[in-house]
Protein backbone atom coordinates (compact mmCIF):
# COMPACT_ATOMS: atom_id res chain seq x y z
CA MET A 1 -58.36 -60.67 11.62
CA VAL A 2 -55.29 -62.45 12.97
CA THR A 3 -52.85 -60.18 14.78
CA ILE A 4 -49.25 -60.49 15.94
CA THR A 5 -47.09 -58.91 18.64
CA LYS A 6 -43.38 -58.42 19.19
CA HIS A 7 -43.39 -61.44 21.51
CA ASP A 8 -44.96 -63.62 18.82
CA LEU A 9 -42.17 -62.61 16.41
CA ILE A 10 -39.57 -63.44 19.05
CA GLU A 11 -41.13 -66.92 19.37
CA LEU A 12 -40.75 -67.28 15.58
CA GLY A 13 -37.00 -66.67 15.91
CA TYR A 14 -36.61 -62.94 15.27
CA GLY A 15 -34.42 -60.92 17.65
CA THR A 16 -35.83 -58.54 20.23
CA SER A 17 -34.94 -55.29 18.50
CA GLN A 18 -35.70 -56.70 15.05
CA SER A 19 -39.17 -57.74 16.27
CA ALA A 20 -39.82 -54.27 17.70
CA SER A 21 -38.68 -52.70 14.43
CA ILE A 22 -40.99 -54.94 12.37
CA ILE A 23 -43.97 -54.01 14.57
CA ARG A 24 -43.07 -50.30 14.28
CA LEU A 25 -42.90 -50.55 10.47
CA ALA A 26 -46.18 -52.47 10.36
CA LYS A 27 -47.86 -49.73 12.42
CA CYS A 28 -46.54 -47.08 9.99
CA LEU A 29 -47.81 -49.13 7.07
CA MET A 30 -51.27 -49.38 8.60
CA VAL A 31 -51.34 -45.60 9.23
CA GLU A 32 -50.36 -45.01 5.58
CA LYS A 33 -53.29 -47.22 4.57
CA GLY A 34 -55.61 -44.92 6.50
CA PHE A 35 -55.93 -46.71 9.85
CA ALA A 36 -55.19 -43.86 12.29
CA TYR A 37 -55.88 -46.28 15.17
CA TYR A 38 -52.31 -47.57 14.76
CA CYS A 39 -50.78 -44.15 15.63
CA SER A 40 -50.98 -45.07 19.31
CA LYS A 41 -47.60 -45.60 20.99
CA ARG A 42 -49.15 -48.05 23.42
CA LEU A 43 -50.56 -50.33 20.73
CA ALA A 44 -48.32 -53.35 20.29
CA ARG A 45 -50.50 -55.61 18.14
CA VAL A 46 -50.72 -55.40 14.34
CA PRO A 47 -52.36 -57.51 11.63
CA VAL A 48 -50.29 -60.45 10.43
CA SER A 49 -50.96 -59.32 6.85
CA ALA A 50 -49.04 -56.07 7.51
CA VAL A 51 -46.04 -57.97 8.86
CA GLU A 52 -46.17 -60.37 5.90
CA GLU A 53 -46.19 -57.40 3.53
CA ILE A 54 -43.09 -55.95 5.20
CA LEU A 55 -41.19 -59.23 5.35
CA GLY A 56 -42.31 -60.44 1.93
CA ILE A 57 -43.14 -63.92 3.22
CA ASN A 58 -46.24 -65.73 4.45
CA LEU A 59 -46.27 -66.46 8.17
CA GLU A 60 -48.05 -69.58 9.39
CA ILE A 61 -49.72 -68.07 12.45
CA GLU A 62 -52.66 -69.69 14.21
CA GLU A 63 -55.10 -67.38 15.90
CA LYS A 64 -54.64 -67.49 19.67
CA ILE A 65 -57.33 -66.52 22.12
CA HIS A 66 -55.79 -64.11 24.62
CA ALA A 67 -57.60 -64.18 27.93
């Protein structure tokens, strides 16, 4: 599963607060779908599919390996 963070959205051209808001909405969406894992305040990474569902567009994101 490919995931995305607020910083990735900023790199795509979204503003700082808009990126944070998108991640927050994506976390709420995942909780509504039954993934309680996303209730965590410290979690800042969500599936790209959730962000795409919120924005209504397909994002061309390549999977990065975070070391």
